[in-house]
Protein backbone atom coordinates (compact mmCIF):
# COMPACT_ATOMS: atom_id res chain seq x y z
CA MET A 1 0.38 6.71 14.76
CA THR A 2 -3.24 6.66 13.65
CA GLN A 3 -5.47 3.61 13.60
CA THR A 4 -8.65 2.71 11.76
CA GLU A 5 -10.39 -0.63 11.85
CA SER A 6 -13.18 -2.83 10.61
CA GLU A 7 -14.37 -6.03 12.27
CA GLU A 8 -11.48 -8.06 10.84
CA VAL A 9 -8.82 -5.58 9.77
CA THR A 10 -6.87 -2.89 11.61
CA TYR A 11 -4.83 -0.25 9.75
CA LYS A 12 -2.16 1.87 11.39
CA SER A 13 -0.35 4.74 9.75
CA HIS A 14 3.21 5.32 10.91
CA TYR A 15 4.89 8.68 10.84
CA GLU A 16 8.48 7.51 10.58
CA SER A 17 9.70 7.67 7.00
CA TYR A 18 11.36 4.58 5.57
CA ARG A 19 12.30 3.03 2.27
CA TRP A 20 9.62 0.57 1.10
CA VAL A 21 11.56 -2.53 2.19
CA ASP A 22 12.27 -1.03 5.62
CA ALA A 23 8.62 -0.05 6.04
CA ALA A 24 7.68 -3.67 5.27
CA LYS A 25 10.19 -4.89 7.89
CA SER A 26 8.88 -2.38 10.43
CA CYS A 27 5.32 -3.64 9.97
CA LYS A 28 6.50 -7.25 10.24
CA ASN A 29 8.36 -6.44 13.49
CA LYS A 30 5.06 -5.06 14.83
CA GLY A 31 3.21 -8.28 13.95
CA ALA A 32 1.57 -6.73 10.89
CA PHE A 33 2.27 -6.17 7.18
CA LEU A 34 2.17 -3.24 4.78
CA ALA A 35 -1.48 -2.60 3.90
CA LYS A 36 -2.92 -4.62 1.04
CA ILE A 37 -4.84 -2.04 -0.97
CA LYS A 38 -6.91 -4.10 -3.41
CA SER A 39 -9.42 -1.71 -4.94
CA LEU A 40 -10.24 1.90 -5.72
CA ASP A 41 -12.79 1.84 -2.91
CA GLU A 42 -10.04 0.96 -0.40
CA ILE A 43 -7.84 3.76 -1.73
CA VAL A 44 -10.65 6.28 -1.24
CA LYS A 45 -11.25 5.02 2.30
CA ALA A 46 -7.52 5.12 3.07
CA ARG A 47 -7.25 8.71 1.86
CA GLU A 48 -10.23 9.72 3.96
CA ALA A 49 -8.92 7.98 7.05
CA PHE A 50 -5.50 9.64 6.98
CA LYS A 51 -6.01 13.01 5.26
CA GLU A 52 -6.44 14.84 8.57
CA HIS A 53 -2.78 14.22 9.35
CA HIS A 54 -1.57 16.46 6.52
CA SER A 55 0.64 13.78 5.06
CA THR A 56 -0.14 12.71 1.54
CA ASP A 57 2.24 9.83 0.94
CA TYR A 58 2.01 6.40 2.60
CA TRP A 59 3.73 3.26 1.35
CA VAL A 60 1.34 0.32 0.96
CA GLY A 61 2.24 -3.34 0.59
CA VAL A 62 2.34 -3.88 -3.15
CA LYS A 63 5.24 -3.66 -5.58
CA TYR A 64 6.03 -4.81 -9.08
CA ASP A 65 8.43 -7.75 -9.26
CA GLU A 66 10.32 -7.49 -12.54
CA GLY A 67 11.47 -11.12 -12.36
CA LEU A 68 7.89 -12.39 -12.09
CA SER A 69 6.49 -9.65 -14.35
CA ASP A 70 3.71 -9.28 -11.84
CA PHE A 71 2.66 -7.46 -8.68
CA VAL A 72 3.47 -9.01 -5.31
CA TRP A 73 2.52 -8.16 -1.74
CA ALA A 74 5.17 -7.25 0.82
CA ASP A 75 5.21 -10.89 1.98
CA GLU A 76 6.30 -11.83 -1.59
CA THR A 77 3.02 -13.61 -2.44
CA ARG A 78 1.55 -12.80 -5.83
CA VAL A 79 -1.35 -10.42 -6.05
CA VAL A 80 -4.50 -12.22 -7.14
CA SER A 81 -5.52 -10.01 -10.00
CA ASN A 82 -9.15 -9.01 -10.50
CA ALA A 83 -10.98 -6.11 -12.09
CA ASN A 84 -10.82 -4.04 -8.90
CA PHE A 85 -7.04 -4.36 -8.64
CA GLU A 86 -6.45 -3.86 -12.36
CA ALA A 87 -8.35 -0.56 -12.16
CA ILE A 88 -5.78 0.90 -9.74
CA VAL A 89 -2.47 -0.16 -11.29
CA ASN A 90 -0.61 0.72 -14.48
CA ARG A 91 0.74 -2.55 -15.91
CA THR A 92 1.95 -0.93 -19.14
CA GLU A 93 4.14 1.49 -17.21
CA GLN A 94 5.40 -1.21 -14.84
CA GLY A 95 6.34 -3.55 -17.68
CA GLU A 96 8.68 -1.06 -19.36
CA LEU A 97 12.29 -2.18 -19.37
CA GLY A 98 14.38 -0.19 -16.92
CA TYR A 99 11.35 1.38 -15.24
CA LEU A 100 12.49 2.22 -11.72
CA LYS A 101 9.20 3.06 -10.03
CA ARG A 102 8.24 -0.35 -8.68
CA CYS A 103 6.78 0.29 -5.19
CA LEU A 104 3.31 1.72 -4.69
CA TYR A 105 2.03 4.33 -2.28
CA VAL A 106 -1.31 5.98 -1.64
CA THR A 107 -1.72 9.76 -1.73
CA ILE A 108 -4.59 12.10 -0.98
CA GLU A 109 -4.40 13.62 -4.45
CA ASP A 110 -3.36 10.80 -6.75
CA ALA A 111 -4.78 7.57 -5.33
CA LEU A 112 -2.22 4.77 -5.92
CA VAL A 113 1.12 5.85 -7.39
CA ALA A 114 4.35 4.03 -8.25
CA ASP A 115 7.70 5.38 -7.14
CA VAL A 116 11.32 4.42 -6.56
CA CYS A 117 11.43 1.97 -3.64
CA GLU A 118 14.43 3.74 -2.09
CA LYS A 119 12.50 6.93 -1.33
CA HIS A 120 11.56 7.54 2.28
CA ARG A 121 7.83 7.74 3.01
CA LYS A 122 5.44 7.17 5.87
CA TYR A 123 3.57 3.87 5.69
CA ILE A 124 0.38 2.01 6.60
CA CYS A 125 0.49 -1.35 8.37
CA GLN A 126 -2.39 -3.80 8.42
CA VAL A 127 -3.32 -6.45 10.99
CA GLY A 128 -5.75 -9.11 9.81
CA GLU A 129 -7.00 -9.67 6.32
CA SER A 130 -10.31 -9.44 4.55
CA ASP A 131 -11.26 -9.43 0.90
CA ASP A 132 -13.51 -6.46 1.54
CA ALA A 133 -11.61 -4.50 4.17
CA ILE A 134 -13.19 -1.25 5.25
CA MET A 135 -11.29 1.79 6.49
CA THR A 136 -13.14 4.38 8.49
CA SER A 137 -12.00 7.32 10.55
CA LYS A 138 -12.33 7.02 14.32
């Protein structure tokens, strides 16, 4: 496990590989939640913080809810959309009928990517919340 933190937010990457829903449960059991990546800047910082571990794929706490036709966090609350968030998601792709790639993960190469929620990936938990969270390597 690797940890990075700002004054208000702590991020921990976990090396077990789980389906998205199980990663969310694992974070919750640890008193945390899947990381809320809200902007391109946070993606860049996340990639920098975890690239040294030679793993490129980490589930983060956002998925597309087909019933709501919107993105939700792992705690099922709706994502408050703003220009920063809209710049990192593909709503057109997510809105396609039968589209199976609903859960999002961060990679070193591709920033934020959607994939099938049943795939097993490592994941990043977050403790605390801030609108302008900062991730830095320790």
